[in-house]
C-alpha atoms as a PDB file:
ATOM      1  CA  MET A   1       4.536  -3.945  21.381  1.00  0.00           C
ATOM      2  CA  ASP A   2       5.455  -1.161  23.745  1.00  0.00           C
ATOM      3  CA  PRO A   3       4.260  -1.608  27.325  1.00  0.00           C
ATOM      4  CA  GLY A   4       1.746   0.772  28.861  1.00  0.00           C
ATOM      5  CA  PRO A   5      -0.849   3.117  27.468  1.00  0.00           C
ATOM      6  CA  PRO A   6      -1.275   4.064  24.760  1.00  0.00           C
ATOM      7  CA  LEU A   7      -0.889   0.680  23.168  1.00  0.00           C
ATOM      8  CA  ARG A   8       1.311   0.851  20.067  1.00  0.00           C
ATOM      9  CA  VAL A   9       2.108  -1.927  17.642  1.00  0.00           C
ATOM     10  CA  PHE A  10       4.865  -1.679  15.045  1.00  0.00           C
ATOM     11  CA  TYR A  11       4.787  -3.540  11.752  1.00  0.00           C
ATOM     12  CA  ARG A  12       7.595  -4.157   9.299  1.00  0.00           C
ATOM     13  CA  LEU A  13       7.636  -5.843   5.906  1.00  0.00           C
ATOM     14  CA  THR A  14       9.669  -8.976   5.430  1.00  0.00           C
ATOM     15  CA  LYS A  15      12.520  -8.936   2.909  1.00  0.00           C
ATOM     16  CA  GLY A  16      10.164 -10.681   0.504  1.00  0.00           C
ATOM     17  CA  GLY A  17       7.587  -7.928   0.984  1.00  0.00           C
ATOM     18  CA  GLU A  18      10.196  -5.217   0.499  1.00  0.00           C
ATOM     19  CA  ALA A  19      11.336  -6.952  -2.693  1.00  0.00           C
ATOM     20  CA  MET A  20       7.844  -6.414  -4.148  1.00  0.00           C
ATOM     21  CA  GLU A  21       8.177  -2.609  -4.008  1.00  0.00           C
ATOM     22  CA  PRO A  22       9.522  -2.113  -7.579  1.00  0.00           C
ATOM     23  CA  ALA A  23       6.770  -4.297  -9.058  1.00  0.00           C
ATOM     24  CA  LEU A  24       4.042  -2.506  -7.083  1.00  0.00           C
ATOM     25  CA  LYS A  25       5.365   0.903  -8.122  1.00  0.00           C
ATOM     26  CA  ALA A  26       5.403  -0.221 -11.759  1.00  0.00           C
ATOM     27  CA  LEU A  27       1.829  -1.478 -11.431  1.00  0.00           C
ATOM     28  CA  GLY A  28       0.781   1.873  -9.954  1.00  0.00           C
ATOM     29  CA  ALA A  29       2.417   3.735 -12.846  1.00  0.00           C
ATOM     30  CA  TRP A  30       0.602   1.460 -15.310  1.00  0.00           C
ATOM     31  CA  ALA A  31      -2.710   2.161 -13.567  1.00  0.00           C
ATOM     32  CA  GLU A  32      -2.165   5.915 -13.727  1.00  0.00           C
ATOM     33  CA  THR A  33      -1.550   5.648 -17.474  1.00  0.00           C
ATOM     34  CA  TYR A  34      -4.159   3.129 -18.590  1.00  0.00           C
ATOM     35  CA  LEU A  35      -7.051   3.109 -16.129  1.00  0.00           C
ATOM     36  CA  PRO A  36      -9.887   5.648 -16.033  1.00  0.00           C
ATOM     37  CA  ASP A  37      -9.452   8.441 -13.487  1.00  0.00           C
ATOM     38  CA  GLY A  38      -5.705   7.816 -13.349  1.00  0.00           C
ATOM     39  CA  GLY A  39      -6.116   4.508 -11.546  1.00  0.00           C
ATOM     40  CA  GLN A  40      -7.814   6.027  -8.498  1.00  0.00           C
ATOM     41  CA  CYS A  41      -9.764   3.697  -6.233  1.00  0.00           C
ATOM     42  CA  PRO A  42     -13.518   3.843  -7.056  1.00  0.00           C
ATOM     43  CA  ASP A  43     -15.664   5.415  -4.345  1.00  0.00           C
ATOM     44  CA  ARG A  44     -17.552   2.136  -3.811  1.00  0.00           C
ATOM     45  CA  PHE A  45     -14.339   0.589  -2.433  1.00  0.00           C
ATOM     46  CA  ARG A  46     -13.524   3.432  -0.058  1.00  0.00           C
ATOM     47  CA  THR A  47     -14.542   3.221   3.582  1.00  0.00           C
END
């Protein structure tokens, strides 16, 4: 955290989290191909 206003917090993935990137990209490509609406998130799940 950086001191003083405005408060800012920085996040970083672990090496394990970074290692998941190829699998998540492949899953996204699958969703675009095989799910209705190109794998877009349904409106009921959007905030």
